[in-house]
Amino acid sequence: MIEELLPDSVVAVEAYGDDGTDLAPLHPEEQALVTRAVAKRRREFAGVRACARVAMEKLGVPPQPVLPGERGAPIWPDGLTGSMTHCDGYRAAALVRTTDLASLGIDAEPHAPLPDGVQSTIALPAEERRLARLTALHPGVHWDRLLFSAKESVYKAWFPLTGKWLDFEEADVEVSTAAGAAPHGVFRARLLVPGPLVGGRRLGHFDGRWTVGRGLVVTAVTVPRA
């Protein structure tokens, strides 16, 4: 699912269900981070890193440990940038050479409504109005969950460029459907705080794509180098 949202320069690897990636061996540095974690956390941690190492190999980079850096953001091998995501039954990693993209972010969530009370904590008033209109047009899509996922992808693309936190209310996300029909489309996140400098230009927004299928909502944001 994730590959169709990303340009050809990005290598995306995903895994569903119990396909064995959750049992992939970890590097000692990684193993030390989850020694005391519950079994579910260890499986997710191993599975998503197995995807990342396959992506490294496809880019001609020897597989290496993927350790968390500041605020938990993954530390990638020199010359690469990327993003990882996991939820129940799904894991994915996307990697690209830094000569091709400045940054990227991916996120996957179960295609289900957000828990009660969460929408009001992540959505701006204008976003809530747009969600209501989209729900009336396409009631089969859980637009609140899609908005949450889009903002997660925006943050994952934002942080490597800034090293700063981005709150939910600091990006105004407008979602559109492709050709007027769900379940796929695009979105634009208008930054409400000063954006990062990329190629000498300060960005005012991030663009992304989304799709729904196989019980998931998946989003991706890419930031061009130029």
N, C-alpha and C. Protein backbone atom coordinates (compact mmCIF):
# COMPACT_ATOMS: atom_id res chain seq x y z
N MET A 1 0.82 -1.21 0.00
CA MET A 1 0.00 0.00 0.00
C MET A 1 0.86 1.26 0.00
N ILE A 2 1.94 1.23 0.79
CA ILE A 2 2.70 2.46 0.97
C ILE A 2 3.44 2.85 -0.30
N GLU A 3 3.86 1.85 -1.09
CA GLU A 3 4.67 2.13 -2.27
C GLU A 3 3.94 3.01 -3.27
N GLU A 4 2.62 2.82 -3.40
CA GLU A 4 1.86 3.59 -4.38
C GLU A 4 1.73 5.06 -4.02
N LEU A 5 2.09 5.41 -2.78
CA LEU A 5 1.99 6.80 -2.34
C LEU A 5 3.31 7.56 -2.50
N LEU A 6 4.36 6.87 -2.91
CA LEU A 6 5.70 7.45 -2.88
C LEU A 6 6.32 7.49 -4.28
N PRO A 7 7.23 8.43 -4.52
CA PRO A 7 7.90 8.50 -5.82
C PRO A 7 8.82 7.30 -6.04
N ASP A 8 9.23 7.10 -7.30
CA ASP A 8 10.03 5.93 -7.65
C ASP A 8 11.39 5.91 -6.96
N SER A 9 11.88 7.08 -6.54
CA SER A 9 13.19 7.12 -5.90
C SER A 9 13.18 6.51 -4.50
N VAL A 10 12.00 6.33 -3.93
CA VAL A 10 11.87 5.79 -2.58
C VAL A 10 11.72 4.27 -2.64
N VAL A 11 12.43 3.57 -1.78
CA VAL A 11 12.26 2.13 -1.62
C VAL A 11 11.39 1.89 -0.40
N ALA A 12 10.24 1.28 -0.61
CA ALA A 12 9.31 0.99 0.49
C ALA A 12 9.18 -0.51 0.65
N VAL A 13 9.23 -0.98 1.89
CA VAL A 13 9.07 -2.40 2.20
C VAL A 13 8.01 -2.51 3.28
N GLU A 14 7.03 -3.37 3.08
CA GLU A 14 5.95 -3.53 4.05
C GLU A 14 5.70 -4.99 4.33
N ALA A 15 5.11 -5.28 5.47
CA ALA A 15 4.81 -6.65 5.86
C ALA A 15 3.48 -6.68 6.58
N TYR A 16 2.73 -7.75 6.33
CA TYR A 16 1.41 -7.91 6.93
C TYR A 16 1.39 -9.15 7.81
N GLY A 17 0.66 -9.05 8.92
CA GLY A 17 0.37 -10.22 9.74
C GLY A 17 1.61 -10.93 10.25
N ASP A 18 1.51 -12.23 10.39
CA ASP A 18 2.59 -13.06 10.93
C ASP A 18 3.40 -13.66 9.79
N ASP A 19 4.21 -12.83 9.15
CA ASP A 19 5.00 -13.30 8.00
C ASP A 19 6.44 -13.62 8.36
N GLY A 20 6.77 -13.59 9.63
CA GLY A 20 8.12 -13.93 10.07
C GLY A 20 9.02 -12.75 10.33
N THR A 21 8.67 -11.56 9.82
CA THR A 21 9.55 -10.41 10.05
C THR A 21 9.62 -10.05 11.53
N ASP A 22 8.55 -10.36 12.28
CA ASP A 22 8.55 -10.05 13.71
C ASP A 22 9.58 -10.86 14.48
N LEU A 23 10.06 -11.93 13.86
CA LEU A 23 11.04 -12.79 14.51
C LEU A 23 12.45 -12.53 14.00
N ALA A 24 12.61 -11.52 13.14
CA ALA A 24 13.93 -11.22 12.58
C ALA A 24 14.90 -10.87 13.70
N PRO A 25 16.14 -11.32 13.59
CA PRO A 25 17.11 -11.03 14.66
C PRO A 25 17.43 -9.54 14.71
N LEU A 26 17.65 -9.06 15.92
CA LEU A 26 18.02 -7.68 16.14
C LEU A 26 19.53 -7.57 16.36
N HIS A 27 20.10 -6.43 16.03
CA HIS A 27 21.48 -6.16 16.39
C HIS A 27 21.56 -6.00 17.91
N PRO A 28 22.71 -6.29 18.50
CA PRO A 28 22.82 -6.20 19.96
C PRO A 28 22.41 -4.84 20.51
N GLU A 29 22.76 -3.76 19.79
CA GLU A 29 22.39 -2.42 20.26
C GLU A 29 20.88 -2.24 20.30
N GLU A 30 20.21 -2.84 19.33
CA GLU A 30 18.75 -2.76 19.28
C GLU A 30 18.13 -3.64 20.36
N GLN A 31 18.67 -4.85 20.49
CA GLN A 31 18.13 -5.78 21.48
C GLN A 31 18.16 -5.19 22.87
N ALA A 32 19.20 -4.43 23.17
CA ALA A 32 19.33 -3.84 24.50
C ALA A 32 18.22 -2.85 24.80
N LEU A 33 17.62 -2.28 23.75
CA LEU A 33 16.58 -1.28 23.95
C LEU A 33 15.23 -1.89 24.30
N VAL A 34 15.03 -3.17 23.99
CA VAL A 34 13.71 -3.78 24.20
C VAL A 34 13.77 -5.00 25.11
N THR A 35 14.86 -5.14 25.83
CA THR A 35 15.02 -6.31 26.71
C THR A 35 13.88 -6.41 27.71
N ARG A 36 13.44 -5.28 28.23
CA ARG A 36 12.38 -5.29 29.24
C ARG A 36 11.00 -4.97 28.67
N ALA A 37 10.91 -4.85 27.37
CA ALA A 37 9.63 -4.51 26.74
C ALA A 37 8.72 -5.74 26.70
N VAL A 38 7.40 -5.48 26.60
CA VAL A 38 6.45 -6.58 26.47
C VAL A 38 6.62 -7.21 25.09
N ALA A 39 6.11 -8.43 24.94
CA ALA A 39 6.33 -9.20 23.71
C ALA A 39 5.81 -8.45 22.48
N LYS A 40 4.65 -7.82 22.59
CA LYS A 40 4.08 -7.10 21.45
C LYS A 40 5.02 -5.99 20.99
N ARG A 41 5.56 -5.23 21.91
CA ARG A 41 6.48 -4.16 21.58
C ARG A 41 7.73 -4.71 20.91
N ARG A 42 8.27 -5.83 21.41
CA ARG A 42 9.47 -6.42 20.83
C ARG A 42 9.21 -6.87 19.40
N ARG A 43 8.02 -7.47 19.16
CA ARG A 43 7.71 -7.93 17.81
C ARG A 43 7.60 -6.76 16.84
N GLU A 44 6.91 -5.69 17.26
CA GLU A 44 6.78 -4.51 16.41
C GLU A 44 8.15 -3.90 16.11
N PHE A 45 8.95 -3.79 17.15
CA PHE A 45 10.29 -3.20 17.03
C PHE A 45 11.13 -3.99 16.03
N ALA A 46 11.11 -5.32 16.15
CA ALA A 46 11.90 -6.17 15.25
C ALA A 46 11.34 -6.17 13.84
N GLY A 47 10.02 -6.25 13.72
CA GLY A 47 9.40 -6.35 12.41
C GLY A 47 9.64 -5.13 11.54
N VAL A 48 9.50 -3.95 12.11
CA VAL A 48 9.66 -2.74 11.31
C VAL A 48 11.13 -2.55 10.94
N ARG A 49 12.05 -2.98 11.80
CA ARG A 49 13.47 -2.88 11.47
C ARG A 49 13.88 -3.90 10.42
N ALA A 50 13.23 -5.04 10.40
CA ALA A 50 13.49 -6.00 9.33
C ALA A 50 13.11 -5.38 7.98
N CYS A 51 11.99 -4.67 7.94
CA CYS A 51 11.59 -3.98 6.70
C CYS A 51 12.63 -2.93 6.31
N ALA A 52 13.11 -2.18 7.30
CA ALA A 52 14.10 -1.14 7.03
C ALA A 52 15.38 -1.72 6.46
N ARG A 53 15.81 -2.87 6.99
CA ARG A 53 17.06 -3.45 6.49
C ARG A 53 16.92 -4.00 5.07
N VAL A 54 15.75 -4.51 4.74
CA VAL A 54 15.53 -4.92 3.35
C VAL A 54 15.60 -3.70 2.43
N ALA A 55 15.03 -2.59 2.87
CA ALA A 55 15.08 -1.37 2.07
C ALA A 55 16.53 -0.90 1.90
N MET A 56 17.33 -0.99 2.96
CA MET A 56 18.75 -0.62 2.84
C MET A 56 19.43 -1.45 1.76
N GLU A 57 19.21 -2.76 1.81
CA GLU A 57 19.83 -3.65 0.83
C GLU A 57 19.43 -3.28 -0.59
N LYS A 58 18.16 -2.95 -0.78
CA LYS A 58 17.69 -2.58 -2.12
C LYS A 58 18.33 -1.29 -2.61
N LEU A 59 18.77 -0.45 -1.68
CA LEU A 59 19.47 0.78 -2.05
C LEU A 59 20.98 0.58 -2.10
N GLY A 60 21.43 -0.65 -1.92
CA GLY A 60 22.85 -0.94 -2.01
C GLY A 60 23.63 -0.56 -0.77
N VAL A 61 22.94 -0.44 0.37
CA VAL A 61 23.59 -0.07 1.63
C VAL A 61 23.60 -1.29 2.55
N PRO A 62 24.75 -1.66 3.12
CA PRO A 62 24.78 -2.80 4.03
C PRO A 62 23.79 -2.61 5.18
N PRO A 63 23.01 -3.64 5.51
CA PRO A 63 22.05 -3.52 6.61
C PRO A 63 22.73 -3.14 7.92
N GLN A 64 22.15 -2.19 8.62
CA GLN A 64 22.73 -1.65 9.84
C GLN A 64 21.66 -1.52 10.92
N PRO A 65 22.09 -1.37 12.17
CA PRO A 65 21.11 -1.13 13.24
C PRO A 65 20.35 0.17 12.99
N VAL A 66 19.09 0.20 13.41
CA VAL A 66 18.29 1.42 13.35
C VAL A 66 17.97 1.80 14.79
N LEU A 67 18.72 2.76 15.30
CA LEU A 67 18.58 3.16 16.70
C LEU A 67 17.80 4.46 16.79
N PRO A 68 17.07 4.65 17.87
CA PRO A 68 16.33 5.91 18.05
C PRO A 68 17.26 7.03 18.46
N GLY A 69 17.04 8.20 17.86
CA GLY A 69 17.79 9.39 18.24
C GLY A 69 16.92 10.32 19.05
N GLU A 70 17.09 11.61 18.82
CA GLU A 70 16.33 12.61 19.55
C GLU A 70 14.84 12.43 19.32
N ARG A 71 14.07 12.48 20.41
CA ARG A 71 12.61 12.29 20.38
C ARG A 71 12.21 10.98 19.69
N GLY A 72 13.08 10.00 19.69
CA GLY A 72 12.77 8.69 19.15
C GLY A 72 12.87 8.58 17.65
N ALA A 73 13.25 9.65 16.95
CA ALA A 73 13.36 9.60 15.50
C ALA A 73 14.48 8.63 15.11
N PRO A 74 14.28 7.77 14.11
CA PRO A 74 15.32 6.81 13.74
C PRO A 74 16.56 7.49 13.17
N ILE A 75 17.71 6.91 13.49
CA ILE A 75 18.99 7.38 12.94
C ILE A 75 19.33 6.51 11.74
N TRP A 76 19.44 7.10 10.57
CA TRP A 76 19.66 6.35 9.33
C TRP A 76 21.13 6.40 8.93
N PRO A 77 21.56 5.42 8.13
CA PRO A 77 22.94 5.46 7.62
C PRO A 77 23.19 6.75 6.83
N ASP A 78 24.45 7.16 6.81
CA ASP A 78 24.81 8.37 6.07
C ASP A 78 24.33 8.26 4.63
N GLY A 79 23.75 9.35 4.16
CA GLY A 79 23.28 9.40 2.78
C GLY A 79 21.86 8.94 2.58
N LEU A 80 21.22 8.48 3.66
CA LEU A 80 19.83 8.01 3.56
C LEU A 80 18.95 8.80 4.52
N THR A 81 17.70 8.91 4.17
CA THR A 81 16.67 9.38 5.09
C THR A 81 15.46 8.49 4.91
N GLY A 82 14.60 8.49 5.91
CA GLY A 82 13.46 7.57 5.79
C GLY A 82 12.49 7.71 6.93
N SER A 83 11.58 6.73 6.98
CA SER A 83 10.52 6.74 7.98
C SER A 83 10.02 5.32 8.18
N MET A 84 9.50 5.04 9.37
CA MET A 84 8.95 3.72 9.67
C MET A 84 7.59 3.89 10.33
N THR A 85 6.77 2.85 10.23
CA THR A 85 5.47 2.87 10.88
C THR A 85 5.03 1.44 11.16
N HIS A 86 4.20 1.28 12.18
CA HIS A 86 3.62 -0.03 12.44
C HIS A 86 2.32 0.14 13.21
N CYS A 87 1.42 -0.77 12.99
CA CYS A 87 0.20 -0.91 13.78
C CYS A 87 -0.16 -2.38 13.76
N ASP A 88 -1.24 -2.77 14.41
CA ASP A 88 -1.59 -4.18 14.49
C ASP A 88 -1.68 -4.80 13.09
N GLY A 89 -0.84 -5.82 12.84
CA GLY A 89 -0.90 -6.54 11.58
C GLY A 89 -0.18 -5.89 10.42
N TYR A 90 0.55 -4.81 10.66
CA TYR A 90 1.20 -4.12 9.54
C TYR A 90 2.47 -3.44 10.01
N ARG A 91 3.52 -3.52 9.17
CA ARG A 91 4.76 -2.81 9.41
C ARG A 91 5.30 -2.32 8.09
N ALA A 92 5.93 -1.16 8.07
CA ALA A 92 6.48 -0.63 6.82
C ALA A 92 7.64 0.30 7.10
N ALA A 93 8.57 0.34 6.16
CA ALA A 93 9.69 1.28 6.20
C ALA A 93 9.89 1.82 4.80
N ALA A 94 10.25 3.08 4.71
CA ALA A 94 10.52 3.73 3.42
C ALA A 94 11.83 4.48 3.53
N LEU A 95 12.75 4.23 2.59
CA LEU A 95 14.06 4.87 2.60
C LEU A 95 14.36 5.47 1.23
N VAL A 96 15.15 6.53 1.25
CA VAL A 96 15.51 7.24 0.01
C VAL A 96 16.88 7.88 0.21
N ARG A 97 17.59 8.06 -0.88
CA ARG A 97 18.86 8.78 -0.80
C ARG A 97 18.59 10.27 -0.57
N THR A 98 19.43 10.89 0.25
CA THR A 98 19.23 12.31 0.55
C THR A 98 19.48 13.20 -0.67
N THR A 99 20.10 12.65 -1.69
CA THR A 99 20.25 13.41 -2.93
C THR A 99 18.94 13.48 -3.71
N ASP A 100 17.99 12.60 -3.38
CA ASP A 100 16.71 12.56 -4.10
C ASP A 100 15.59 13.28 -3.37
N LEU A 101 15.55 13.17 -2.04
CA LEU A 101 14.53 13.85 -1.24
C LEU A 101 15.18 14.45 0.00
N ALA A 102 14.62 15.56 0.45
CA ALA A 102 15.11 16.18 1.68
C ALA A 102 14.60 15.43 2.91
N SER A 103 13.36 14.92 2.83
CA SER A 103 12.78 14.23 3.97
C SER A 103 11.53 13.50 3.52
N LEU A 104 11.08 12.56 4.34
CA LEU A 104 9.80 11.89 4.08
C LEU A 104 9.23 11.38 5.39
N GLY A 105 7.93 11.15 5.39
CA GLY A 105 7.25 10.60 6.55
C GLY A 105 6.14 9.67 6.11
N ILE A 106 5.99 8.54 6.78
CA ILE A 106 4.90 7.62 6.49
C ILE A 106 4.20 7.25 7.79
N ASP A 107 2.92 6.91 7.68
CA ASP A 107 2.16 6.47 8.86
C ASP A 107 1.05 5.54 8.42
N ALA A 108 0.79 4.53 9.23
CA ALA A 108 -0.32 3.60 9.02
C ALA A 108 -1.11 3.49 10.31
N GLU A 109 -2.42 3.47 10.16
CA GLU A 109 -3.32 3.37 11.32
C GLU A 109 -4.44 2.40 10.97
N PRO A 110 -5.05 1.77 11.98
CA PRO A 110 -6.25 0.97 11.69
C PRO A 110 -7.36 1.86 11.17
N HIS A 111 -8.06 1.41 10.14
CA HIS A 111 -9.13 2.21 9.57
C HIS A 111 -10.37 2.06 10.45
N ALA A 112 -10.40 2.86 11.50
CA ALA A 112 -11.47 2.83 12.48
C ALA A 112 -11.56 4.22 13.09
N PRO A 113 -12.70 4.56 13.70
CA PRO A 113 -12.82 5.89 14.31
C PRO A 113 -11.79 6.09 15.41
N LEU A 114 -11.38 7.33 15.61
CA LEU A 114 -10.54 7.65 16.75
C LEU A 114 -11.31 7.43 18.05
N PRO A 115 -10.63 7.14 19.13
CA PRO A 115 -11.33 7.03 20.42
C PRO A 115 -12.04 8.34 20.76
N ASP A 116 -13.09 8.23 21.53
CA ASP A 116 -13.87 9.41 21.92
C ASP A 116 -12.98 10.48 22.52
N GLY A 117 -13.19 11.70 22.08
CA GLY A 117 -12.49 12.84 22.63
C GLY A 117 -11.17 13.16 21.97
N VAL A 118 -10.65 12.28 21.12
CA VAL A 118 -9.34 12.51 20.53
C VAL A 118 -9.41 13.53 19.40
N GLN A 119 -10.47 13.49 18.60
CA GLN A 119 -10.54 14.40 17.46
C GLN A 119 -10.41 15.86 17.89
N SER A 120 -11.06 16.22 18.96
CA SER A 120 -11.02 17.62 19.40
C SER A 120 -9.64 18.05 19.87
N THR A 121 -8.77 17.08 20.21
CA THR A 121 -7.42 17.42 20.65
C THR A 121 -6.43 17.52 19.50
N ILE A 122 -6.78 16.98 18.32
CA ILE A 122 -5.83 17.00 17.19
C ILE A 122 -6.28 17.90 16.06
N ALA A 123 -7.58 18.27 16.03
CA ALA A 123 -8.13 18.98 14.88
C ALA A 123 -8.40 20.45 15.19
N LEU A 124 -8.01 21.31 14.29
CA LEU A 124 -8.37 22.72 14.36
C LEU A 124 -9.84 22.88 13.99
N PRO A 125 -10.49 23.98 14.39
CA PRO A 125 -11.90 24.17 14.03
C PRO A 125 -12.15 24.07 12.53
N ALA A 126 -11.28 24.63 11.71
CA ALA A 126 -11.46 24.55 10.26
C ALA A 126 -11.34 23.12 9.78
N GLU A 127 -10.44 22.35 10.38
CA GLU A 127 -10.29 20.94 10.00
C GLU A 127 -11.54 20.15 10.38
N GLU A 128 -12.12 20.44 11.54
CA GLU A 128 -13.33 19.72 11.95
C GLU A 128 -14.48 20.00 10.99
N ARG A 129 -14.58 21.24 10.53
CA ARG A 129 -15.64 21.56 9.55
C ARG A 129 -15.43 20.79 8.25
N ARG A 130 -14.18 20.71 7.81
CA ARG A 130 -13.91 19.97 6.57
C ARG A 130 -14.15 18.49 6.76
N LEU A 131 -13.82 17.96 7.93
CA LEU A 131 -14.09 16.55 8.20
C LEU A 131 -15.58 16.25 8.12
N ALA A 132 -16.39 17.15 8.64
CA ALA A 132 -17.84 16.95 8.61
C ALA A 132 -18.34 16.90 7.15
N ARG A 133 -17.80 17.78 6.31
CA ARG A 133 -18.21 17.77 4.90
C ARG A 133 -17.77 16.49 4.21
N LEU A 134 -16.55 16.05 4.46
CA LEU A 134 -16.06 14.82 3.84
C LEU A 134 -16.87 13.61 4.31
N THR A 135 -17.23 13.59 5.59
CA THR A 135 -18.02 12.48 6.11
C THR A 135 -19.39 12.41 5.45
N ALA A 136 -19.96 13.57 5.18
CA ALA A 136 -21.27 13.60 4.50
C ALA A 136 -21.15 13.07 3.08
N LEU A 137 -20.03 13.37 2.41
CA LEU A 137 -19.84 12.95 1.02
C LEU A 137 -19.42 11.49 0.92
N HIS A 138 -18.55 11.05 1.83
CA HIS A 138 -17.98 9.70 1.77
C HIS A 138 -18.01 9.08 3.17
N PRO A 139 -19.16 8.64 3.62
CA PRO A 139 -19.28 8.12 4.99
C PRO A 139 -18.51 6.84 5.24
N GLY A 140 -18.03 6.19 4.19
CA GLY A 140 -17.29 4.94 4.37
C GLY A 140 -15.85 5.12 4.80
N VAL A 141 -15.37 6.36 4.83
CA VAL A 141 -14.00 6.63 5.25
C VAL A 141 -14.01 7.25 6.64
N HIS A 142 -13.13 6.78 7.49
CA HIS A 142 -13.00 7.36 8.83
C HIS A 142 -12.05 8.55 8.74
N TRP A 143 -12.59 9.71 8.44
CA TRP A 143 -11.79 10.89 8.14
C TRP A 143 -11.03 11.41 9.36
N ASP A 144 -11.57 11.18 10.55
CA ASP A 144 -10.84 11.60 11.75
C ASP A 144 -9.53 10.84 11.88
N ARG A 145 -9.58 9.53 11.62
CA ARG A 145 -8.36 8.73 11.68
C ARG A 145 -7.39 9.12 10.57
N LEU A 146 -7.92 9.44 9.41
CA LEU A 146 -7.08 9.88 8.29
C LEU A 146 -6.36 11.18 8.63
N LEU A 147 -7.07 12.12 9.26
CA LEU A 147 -6.44 13.37 9.67
C LEU A 147 -5.32 13.11 10.66
N PHE A 148 -5.57 12.24 11.63
CA PHE A 148 -4.53 11.90 12.61
C PHE A 148 -3.31 11.33 11.92
N SER A 149 -3.52 10.40 10.99
CA SER A 149 -2.40 9.77 10.28
C SER A 149 -1.64 10.80 9.45
N ALA A 150 -2.37 11.68 8.77
CA ALA A 150 -1.70 12.71 7.96
C ALA A 150 -0.81 13.58 8.83
N LYS A 151 -1.29 13.96 10.01
CA LYS A 151 -0.48 14.81 10.89
C LYS A 151 0.73 14.05 11.43
N GLU A 152 0.59 12.74 11.63
CA GLU A 152 1.74 11.94 12.04
C GLU A 152 2.80 11.93 10.93
N SER A 153 2.38 11.74 9.67
CA SER A 153 3.32 11.75 8.55
C SER A 153 3.98 13.11 8.40
N VAL A 154 3.21 14.17 8.59
CA VAL A 154 3.77 15.52 8.51
C VAL A 154 4.86 15.69 9.56
N TYR A 155 4.59 15.27 10.78
CA TYR A 155 5.59 15.42 11.85
C TYR A 155 6.86 14.62 11.53
N LYS A 156 6.69 13.41 11.02
CA LYS A 156 7.86 12.57 10.72
C LYS A 156 8.72 13.18 9.62
N ALA A 157 8.10 13.90 8.69
CA ALA A 157 8.87 14.59 7.65
C ALA A 157 9.46 15.89 8.18
N TRP A 158 8.78 16.54 9.10
CA TRP A 158 9.19 17.82 9.67
C TRP A 158 10.42 17.69 10.57
N PHE A 159 10.40 16.70 11.46
CA PHE A 159 11.40 16.66 12.52
C PHE A 159 12.84 16.54 12.02
N PRO A 160 13.15 15.68 11.03
CA PRO A 160 14.54 15.62 10.56
C PRO A 160 15.04 16.93 9.98
N LEU A 161 14.15 17.78 9.52
CA LEU A 161 14.54 19.05 8.92
C LEU A 161 14.71 20.16 9.95
N THR A 162 14.10 20.00 11.11
CA THR A 162 14.07 21.08 12.10
C THR A 162 14.64 20.70 13.45
N GLY A 163 14.54 19.42 13.82
CA GLY A 163 14.91 19.00 15.16
C GLY A 163 13.98 19.54 16.23
N LYS A 164 12.79 19.98 15.82
CA LYS A 164 11.84 20.58 16.76
C LYS A 164 10.52 19.80 16.75
N TRP A 165 9.81 19.92 17.87
CA TRP A 165 8.47 19.36 17.98
C TRP A 165 7.50 20.16 17.12
N LEU A 166 6.48 19.50 16.58
CA LEU A 166 5.40 20.16 15.85
C LEU A 166 4.09 19.69 16.46
N ASP A 167 3.36 20.59 17.11
CA ASP A 167 2.10 20.22 17.73
C ASP A 167 1.02 20.02 16.67
N PHE A 168 -0.03 19.28 17.05
CA PHE A 168 -1.13 19.02 16.13
C PHE A 168 -1.74 20.32 15.61
N GLU A 169 -1.82 21.34 16.47
CA GLU A 169 -2.47 22.59 16.07
C GLU A 169 -1.56 23.51 15.28
N GLU A 170 -0.32 23.08 15.00
CA GLU A 170 0.61 23.91 14.26
C GLU A 170 0.67 23.58 12.77
N ALA A 171 -0.23 22.72 12.32
CA ALA A 171 -0.35 22.41 10.89
C ALA A 171 -1.84 22.25 10.57
N ASP A 172 -2.29 22.95 9.55
CA ASP A 172 -3.69 22.89 9.12
C ASP A 172 -3.75 22.00 7.88
N VAL A 173 -4.34 20.81 8.04
CA VAL A 173 -4.34 19.80 6.98
C VAL A 173 -5.67 19.81 6.24
N GLU A 174 -5.60 19.96 4.92
CA GLU A 174 -6.79 19.88 4.07
C GLU A 174 -6.68 18.64 3.19
N VAL A 175 -7.66 17.76 3.31
CA VAL A 175 -7.65 16.48 2.61
C VAL A 175 -8.56 16.56 1.39
N SER A 176 -8.10 15.99 0.28
CA SER A 176 -8.90 15.93 -0.93
C SER A 176 -8.96 14.48 -1.42
N THR A 177 -10.04 14.16 -2.12
CA THR A 177 -10.17 12.83 -2.71
C THR A 177 -9.76 12.89 -4.17
N ALA A 178 -9.14 11.84 -4.67
CA ALA A 178 -8.70 11.79 -6.05
C ALA A 178 -9.91 11.66 -6.97
N ALA A 179 -9.99 12.55 -7.95
CA ALA A 179 -11.08 12.53 -8.93
C ALA A 179 -12.43 12.54 -8.25
N GLY A 180 -12.50 13.14 -7.06
CA GLY A 180 -13.76 13.28 -6.35
C GLY A 180 -14.28 12.01 -5.72
N ALA A 181 -13.42 10.99 -5.61
CA ALA A 181 -13.91 9.72 -5.07
C ALA A 181 -12.91 9.13 -4.10
N ALA A 182 -13.38 8.59 -3.00
CA ALA A 182 -12.54 7.85 -2.08
C ALA A 182 -12.36 6.43 -2.64
N PRO A 183 -11.42 5.63 -2.18
CA PRO A 183 -10.65 5.82 -0.94
C PRO A 183 -9.17 6.17 -1.16
N HIS A 184 -8.85 7.14 -1.96
CA HIS A 184 -7.46 7.61 -2.05
C HIS A 184 -7.47 9.06 -2.47
N GLY A 185 -6.37 9.74 -2.22
CA GLY A 185 -6.33 11.15 -2.58
C GLY A 185 -5.06 11.80 -2.09
N VAL A 186 -5.13 13.11 -1.91
CA VAL A 186 -3.96 13.90 -1.51
C VAL A 186 -4.35 14.78 -0.32
N PHE A 187 -3.33 15.39 0.28
CA PHE A 187 -3.59 16.37 1.33
C PHE A 187 -2.46 17.39 1.33
N ARG A 188 -2.76 18.55 1.85
CA ARG A 188 -1.77 19.60 2.02
C ARG A 188 -1.81 20.07 3.46
N ALA A 189 -0.64 20.13 4.08
CA ALA A 189 -0.51 20.60 5.46
C ALA A 189 0.11 21.99 5.44
N ARG A 190 -0.70 23.00 5.72
CA ARG A 190 -0.20 24.37 5.78
C ARG A 190 0.41 24.59 7.16
N LEU A 191 1.69 24.93 7.18
CA LEU A 191 2.40 25.12 8.44
C LEU A 191 2.01 26.45 9.05
N LEU A 192 1.65 26.43 10.32
CA LEU A 192 1.23 27.64 11.04
C LEU A 192 2.34 28.21 11.89
N VAL A 193 3.53 27.63 11.77
CA VAL A 193 4.75 28.14 12.39
C VAL A 193 5.80 28.21 11.28
N PRO A 194 6.88 28.95 11.47
CA PRO A 194 7.90 29.04 10.41
C PRO A 194 8.38 27.65 9.99
N GLY A 195 8.35 27.41 8.69
CA GLY A 195 8.75 26.11 8.18
C GLY A 195 10.24 25.98 8.03
N PRO A 196 10.71 24.77 7.71
CA PRO A 196 12.16 24.54 7.57
C PRO A 196 12.70 25.17 6.30
N LEU A 197 13.99 25.44 6.29
CA LEU A 197 14.68 25.90 5.10
C LEU A 197 15.17 24.68 4.33
N VAL A 198 14.78 24.58 3.07
CA VAL A 198 15.22 23.49 2.21
C VAL A 198 15.70 24.10 0.90
N GLY A 199 16.96 23.89 0.59
CA GLY A 199 17.52 24.47 -0.62
C GLY A 199 17.46 25.98 -0.64
N GLY A 200 17.58 26.59 0.54
CA GLY A 200 17.54 28.04 0.64
C GLY A 200 16.16 28.64 0.61
N ARG A 201 15.13 27.79 0.60
CA ARG A 201 13.75 28.28 0.54
C ARG A 201 13.01 27.81 1.79
N ARG A 202 12.29 28.73 2.43
CA ARG A 202 11.51 28.37 3.61
C ARG A 202 10.17 27.80 3.18
N LEU A 203 9.89 26.59 3.63
CA LEU A 203 8.66 25.91 3.23
C LEU A 203 7.47 26.41 4.04
N GLY A 204 6.34 26.60 3.36
CA GLY A 204 5.13 27.00 4.03
C GLY A 204 4.12 25.88 4.14
N HIS A 205 4.38 24.78 3.46
CA HIS A 205 3.44 23.64 3.52
C HIS A 205 4.16 22.36 3.14
N PHE A 206 3.56 21.24 3.52
CA PHE A 206 3.99 19.91 3.10
C PHE A 206 2.84 19.29 2.32
N ASP A 207 3.18 18.52 1.29
CA ASP A 207 2.17 17.81 0.50
C ASP A 207 2.28 16.31 0.74
N GLY A 208 1.12 15.65 0.75
CA GLY A 208 1.11 14.22 0.99
C GLY A 208 0.03 13.51 0.20
N ARG A 209 0.04 12.19 0.32
CA ARG A 209 -0.96 11.34 -0.34
C ARG A 209 -1.48 10.33 0.68
N TRP A 210 -2.68 9.82 0.41
CA TRP A 210 -3.28 8.86 1.34
C TRP A 210 -4.05 7.80 0.57
N THR A 211 -4.25 6.67 1.23
CA THR A 211 -5.09 5.61 0.68
C THR A 211 -5.69 4.81 1.82
N VAL A 212 -6.78 4.13 1.53
CA VAL A 212 -7.47 3.28 2.50
C VAL A 212 -7.66 1.90 1.87
N GLY A 213 -7.36 0.87 2.62
CA GLY A 213 -7.55 -0.50 2.14
C GLY A 213 -7.00 -1.50 3.13
N ARG A 214 -7.46 -2.73 3.03
CA ARG A 214 -6.99 -3.84 3.88
C ARG A 214 -7.12 -3.50 5.36
N GLY A 215 -8.16 -2.72 5.69
CA GLY A 215 -8.41 -2.37 7.08
C GLY A 215 -7.48 -1.30 7.63
N LEU A 216 -6.76 -0.60 6.74
CA LEU A 216 -5.78 0.41 7.15
C LEU A 216 -6.03 1.73 6.46
N VAL A 217 -5.59 2.81 7.09
CA VAL A 217 -5.44 4.09 6.42
C VAL A 217 -3.95 4.40 6.45
N VAL A 218 -3.39 4.73 5.28
CA VAL A 218 -1.96 4.92 5.14
C VAL A 218 -1.71 6.29 4.51
N THR A 219 -0.75 7.03 5.06
CA THR A 219 -0.43 8.36 4.55
C THR A 219 1.07 8.48 4.33
N ALA A 220 1.47 9.38 3.44
CA ALA A 220 2.89 9.62 3.17
C ALA A 220 3.11 11.06 2.78
N VAL A 221 4.19 11.64 3.26
CA VAL A 221 4.60 12.99 2.93
C VAL A 221 6.02 12.93 2.38
N THR A 222 6.28 13.62 1.28
CA THR A 222 7.63 13.73 0.75
C THR A 222 8.00 15.20 0.60
N VAL A 223 9.25 15.52 0.91
CA VAL A 223 9.75 16.88 0.80
C VAL A 223 10.84 16.89 -0.25
N PRO A 224 10.63 17.53 -1.40
CA PRO A 224 11.64 17.54 -2.46
C PRO A 224 12.93 18.21 -2.02
N ARG A 225 14.02 17.80 -2.63
CA ARG A 225 15.32 18.37 -2.32
C ARG A 225 15.44 19.79 -2.85
N ALA A 226 15.01 20.02 -4.07
CA ALA A 226 15.17 21.36 -4.68
C ALA A 226 14.09 22.29 -4.16
